[in-house]
N, C-alpha and C. Protein backbone atom coordinates (compact mmCIF):
# COMPACT_ATOMS: atom_id res chain seq x y z
N MET A 1 0.96 -1.34 0.12
CA MET A 1 -0.02 0.12 0.07
C MET A 1 1.01 1.43 0.02
N ILE A 2 0.34 2.09 -0.49
CA ILE A 2 1.31 3.59 -0.84
C ILE A 2 0.08 4.69 0.41
N GLY A 3 1.04 5.22 0.92
CA GLY A 3 0.28 6.24 1.74
C GLY A 3 0.46 6.56 3.01
N ASP A 4 -0.46 7.69 3.81
CA ASP A 4 0.11 8.26 4.66
C ASP A 4 0.07 6.90 6.23
N ARG A 5 0.96 6.31 6.59
CA ARG A 5 0.77 5.29 7.75
C ARG A 5 -0.40 5.52 9.11
N ALA A 6 -0.43 6.82 8.96
CA ALA A 6 -1.44 7.29 10.19
C ALA A 6 -2.35 7.14 9.61
N LEU A 7 -2.84 7.02 8.54
CA LEU A 7 -4.24 6.79 8.08
C LEU A 7 -4.70 5.54 8.59
N PHE A 8 -4.00 4.52 8.61
CA PHE A 8 -4.37 3.18 8.89
C PHE A 8 -4.23 2.98 10.40
N ALA A 9 -4.00 3.48 11.38
CA ALA A 9 -3.72 3.22 12.41
C ALA A 9 -5.39 3.43 13.61
N PRO A 10 -5.88 3.87 12.60
CA PRO A 10 -7.90 3.96 13.51
C PRO A 10 -8.26 2.09 12.57
N ILE A 11 -7.81 1.76 12.00
CA ILE A 11 -8.02 0.64 11.58
C ILE A 11 -7.66 -0.88 11.90
N ASP A 12 -8.42 -1.65 12.79
CA ASP A 12 -7.54 -2.75 13.59
C ASP A 12 -7.99 -4.25 12.32
N LEU A 13 -6.71 -4.18 11.33
CA LEU A 13 -6.86 -5.13 10.51
C LEU A 13 -6.74 -6.51 10.64
N LYS A 14 -5.77 -7.09 11.86
CA LYS A 14 -5.59 -8.13 12.40
C LYS A 14 -4.97 -9.03 11.32
N ARG A 15 -3.96 -8.59 10.63
CA ARG A 15 -2.79 -9.02 9.75
C ARG A 15 -2.31 -7.73 9.13
N ARG A 16 -1.00 -8.38 8.68
CA ARG A 16 -0.07 -7.51 8.51
C ARG A 16 0.03 -7.06 7.02
N ILE A 17 -0.10 -5.54 6.85
CA ILE A 17 0.17 -4.91 5.98
C ILE A 17 1.48 -4.26 5.42
N VAL A 18 1.92 -3.52 4.46
CA VAL A 18 3.27 -2.95 4.23
C VAL A 18 2.71 -1.46 3.91
N VAL A 19 3.05 -0.65 4.66
CA VAL A 19 2.38 1.00 3.93
C VAL A 19 3.94 1.80 3.69
N LEU A 20 4.13 2.09 2.48
CA LEU A 20 5.20 3.03 1.72
C LEU A 20 4.94 4.39 1.16
N THR A 21 5.33 5.25 1.80
CA THR A 21 5.39 6.77 1.30
C THR A 21 5.40 6.53 0.16
N HIS A 22 5.20 7.56 -0.82
CA HIS A 22 5.72 7.96 -2.12
C HIS A 22 6.96 7.98 -2.37
N ASP A 23 7.46 8.54 -1.55
CA ASP A 23 9.29 8.42 -1.90
C ASP A 23 9.90 7.14 -1.43
N GLU A 24 9.51 6.44 -0.59
CA GLU A 24 9.90 5.07 -0.34
C GLU A 24 9.30 3.89 -1.32
N MET A 25 8.45 4.38 -1.70
CA MET A 25 8.03 3.16 -3.15
C MET A 25 8.85 3.69 -3.99
N GLU A 26 9.04 5.07 -4.43
CA GLU A 26 10.10 5.45 -5.33
C GLU A 26 11.06 4.66 -5.63
N LEU A 27 11.53 4.56 -4.49
CA LEU A 27 13.12 4.12 -4.24
C LEU A 27 12.85 2.37 -3.97
N TYR A 28 11.89 1.98 -3.71
CA TYR A 28 11.59 0.69 -4.06
C TYR A 28 11.46 0.00 -5.24
N GLU A 29 10.82 0.52 -6.07
CA GLU A 29 10.37 0.53 -8.10
C GLU A 29 12.05 0.96 -8.49
N LYS A 30 12.97 1.41 -7.77
CA LYS A 30 14.22 1.58 -8.68
C LYS A 30 14.91 0.31 -8.36
N LYS A 31 14.76 0.02 -7.01
CA LYS A 31 15.62 -1.56 -7.15
C LYS A 31 15.06 -2.47 -7.80
N PHE A 32 13.81 -2.53 -7.59
CA PHE A 32 12.81 -3.76 -7.90
C PHE A 32 12.15 -3.89 -8.95
N GLY A 33 12.02 -3.09 -9.51
CA GLY A 33 10.43 -2.82 -10.56
C GLY A 33 9.75 -2.36 -10.45
N PRO A 34 8.81 -2.21 -11.56
CA PRO A 34 7.51 -1.81 -11.51
C PRO A 34 6.58 -2.54 -10.45
N THR A 35 6.16 -2.25 -9.18
CA THR A 35 5.12 -2.92 -8.37
C THR A 35 3.91 -2.80 -8.57
N TYR A 36 2.98 -1.37 -8.90
CA TYR A 36 1.68 -1.12 -8.79
C TYR A 36 1.15 -1.25 -7.49
N GLY A 37 1.63 -0.44 -6.76
CA GLY A 37 1.16 -0.48 -4.94
C GLY A 37 -0.74 0.08 -5.31
N ALA A 38 -0.96 -0.44 -3.99
CA ALA A 38 -2.28 0.32 -4.32
C ALA A 38 -2.15 1.79 -3.22
N ASP A 39 -2.44 2.86 -4.01
CA ASP A 39 -2.15 3.93 -2.84
C ASP A 39 -3.66 4.57 -2.38
N VAL A 40 -3.57 4.48 -1.34
CA VAL A 40 -4.22 4.87 -0.63
C VAL A 40 -4.01 6.59 -0.21
N SER A 41 -4.90 7.51 -0.60
CA SER A 41 -4.17 8.78 -0.06
C SER A 41 -5.79 9.35 0.27
N LEU A 42 -6.61 8.20 0.48
CA LEU A 42 -8.17 9.12 1.13
C LEU A 42 -8.40 8.23 1.96
N MET A 43 -8.69 8.35 3.52
CA MET A 43 -9.48 7.27 4.05
C MET A 43 -9.92 8.20 5.34
N ILE A 44 -11.24 7.75 4.97
CA ILE A 44 -12.08 8.46 6.26
C ILE A 44 -12.94 7.42 7.28
N VAL A 45 -12.25 7.61 8.55
CA VAL A 45 -12.84 6.85 9.79
C VAL A 45 -13.59 7.57 10.86
N ARG A 46 -14.90 6.62 10.78
CA ARG A 46 -16.00 7.27 11.52
C ARG A 46 -15.31 7.71 13.26
N HIS A 47 -15.48 8.27 13.60
CA HIS A 47 -14.97 8.43 15.25
C HIS A 47 -15.00 7.18 16.34
N ASP A 48 -16.09 6.49 15.91
CA ASP A 48 -15.96 5.24 16.89
C ASP A 48 -14.92 4.09 16.11
N GLY A 49 -14.52 4.42 15.07
CA GLY A 49 -13.61 3.18 14.46
C GLY A 49 -14.79 2.08 13.41
N LYS A 50 -15.95 2.04 13.50
CA LYS A 50 -16.51 1.10 13.08
C LYS A 50 -16.74 1.01 11.66
N LYS A 51 -16.45 2.34 10.91
CA LYS A 51 -17.09 2.72 9.45
C LYS A 51 -15.99 3.20 8.99
N ALA A 52 -15.49 2.94 7.91
CA ALA A 52 -14.50 3.59 6.94
C ALA A 52 -15.11 3.95 5.63
N LEU A 53 -14.53 4.72 4.92
CA LEU A 53 -14.39 4.92 3.29
C LEU A 53 -13.18 5.06 2.66
N VAL A 54 -12.74 4.27 2.20
CA VAL A 54 -11.63 4.10 1.59
C VAL A 54 -11.34 4.14 -0.17
N VAL A 55 -10.57 5.37 -0.57
CA VAL A 55 -10.43 5.36 -2.14
C VAL A 55 -9.01 5.01 -2.24
N MET A 56 -9.03 3.68 -3.43
CA MET A 56 -7.66 3.30 -3.40
C MET A 56 -7.54 3.39 -4.94
N ASN A 57 -6.22 3.91 -5.23
CA ASN A 57 -5.96 4.39 -6.81
C ASN A 57 -4.91 3.12 -7.05
N GLU A 58 -4.97 2.61 -8.00
CA GLU A 58 -4.02 1.44 -8.68
C GLU A 58 -3.52 1.89 -9.70
N THR A 59 -3.28 2.70 -10.00
CA THR A 59 -2.70 3.36 -11.45
C THR A 59 -3.59 2.71 -12.33
N TRP A 60 -3.97 1.86 -12.77
CA TRP A 60 -5.01 1.83 -14.11
C TRP A 60 -6.63 1.90 -13.40
N LYS A 61 -6.95 1.78 -12.37
CA LYS A 61 -8.32 1.86 -12.01
C LYS A 61 -8.59 2.68 -10.25
N GLU A 62 -9.85 3.22 -10.09
CA GLU A 62 -9.66 3.88 -9.09
C GLU A 62 -10.85 3.26 -8.62
N ASP A 63 -10.98 2.55 -7.14
CA ASP A 63 -12.33 1.75 -6.18
C ASP A 63 -12.37 2.47 -4.95
N ILE A 64 -13.82 3.02 -4.92
CA ILE A 64 -13.85 3.29 -3.39
C ILE A 64 -14.64 2.17 -2.47
N TYR A 65 -14.39 2.04 -1.18
CA TYR A 65 -14.99 0.83 -0.76
C TYR A 65 -15.44 1.43 0.42
N GLU A 66 -16.63 0.68 1.14
CA GLU A 66 -17.08 1.43 2.30
C GLU A 66 -17.01 0.23 3.22
N LEU A 67 -15.96 0.32 4.38
CA LEU A 67 -15.88 -1.01 5.55
C LEU A 67 -16.18 -0.81 6.56
N THR A 68 -17.01 -1.61 7.40
CA THR A 68 -17.95 -2.20 8.38
C THR A 68 -17.57 -2.60 9.25
N LYS A 69 -17.04 -2.51 10.45
CA LYS A 69 -16.63 -3.47 11.42
C LYS A 69 -17.71 -4.17 11.95
N THR A 70 -17.61 -5.23 12.26
CA THR A 70 -18.51 -6.28 12.55
C THR A 70 -18.04 -7.39 13.65
N ASP A 71 -18.80 -8.05 14.63
CA ASP A 71 -18.22 -8.68 15.61
C ASP A 71 -17.29 -9.92 14.44
N ASP A 72 -17.64 -10.19 13.26
CA ASP A 72 -16.45 -11.51 12.79
C ASP A 72 -15.48 -10.63 12.11
N GLY A 73 -15.42 -9.20 12.06
CA GLY A 73 -14.11 -8.76 11.48
C GLY A 73 -14.75 -7.45 10.46
N TRP A 74 -14.21 -7.46 9.12
CA TRP A 74 -14.65 -6.41 8.56
C TRP A 74 -15.53 -6.76 7.41
N THR A 75 -16.57 -5.93 6.96
CA THR A 75 -17.43 -6.56 5.93
C THR A 75 -16.72 -5.34 4.41
N VAL A 76 -16.91 -5.36 3.62
CA VAL A 76 -16.37 -4.45 2.54
C VAL A 76 -17.64 -4.49 1.30
N ALA A 77 -17.71 -3.21 1.14
CA ALA A 77 -18.84 -3.05 0.21
C ALA A 77 -18.48 -2.08 -0.86
N ILE A 78 -18.39 -2.34 -2.21
CA ILE A 78 -17.89 -1.49 -3.34
C ILE A 78 -19.01 -0.14 -3.18
N VAL A 79 -18.47 0.84 -3.50
CA VAL A 79 -18.97 2.10 -3.80
C VAL A 79 -18.91 2.30 -5.21
N ARG A 80 -18.20 2.63 -5.38
CA ARG A 80 -17.65 2.71 -6.88
C ARG A 80 -16.05 1.97 -7.14
N MET A 81 -16.59 1.64 -8.91
CA MET A 81 -15.07 0.55 -9.64
C MET A 81 -14.93 1.81 -10.80
N MET A 82 -13.88 2.26 -10.97
CA MET A 82 -13.48 3.31 -12.20
C MET A 82 -12.42 2.59 -13.18
N ILE A 83 -12.49 2.28 -14.25
CA ILE A 83 -11.38 2.08 -14.97
C ILE A 83 -10.57 3.37 -15.55
N THR A 84 -9.36 3.68 -15.10
CA THR A 84 -8.78 5.22 -15.71
C THR A 84 -8.28 4.98 -17.33
């Protein structure tokens, strides 16, 4: 993932993800080649942490998701998918 690590702090994912800044991703791709990481530059989390709106840009498409925390984990609803 590419974005601000602080955006991910309120989301309890129960799994490990790697979040790189844009500068870190640029250095990574110089060393290892194109990676096409998902850029999460906008994430809005409700104050209680149980709902979030996430805009994910993957170079060739942009998706908007609504995440809802349940007793069993997170559910994901697709709000919009767009191929760019």
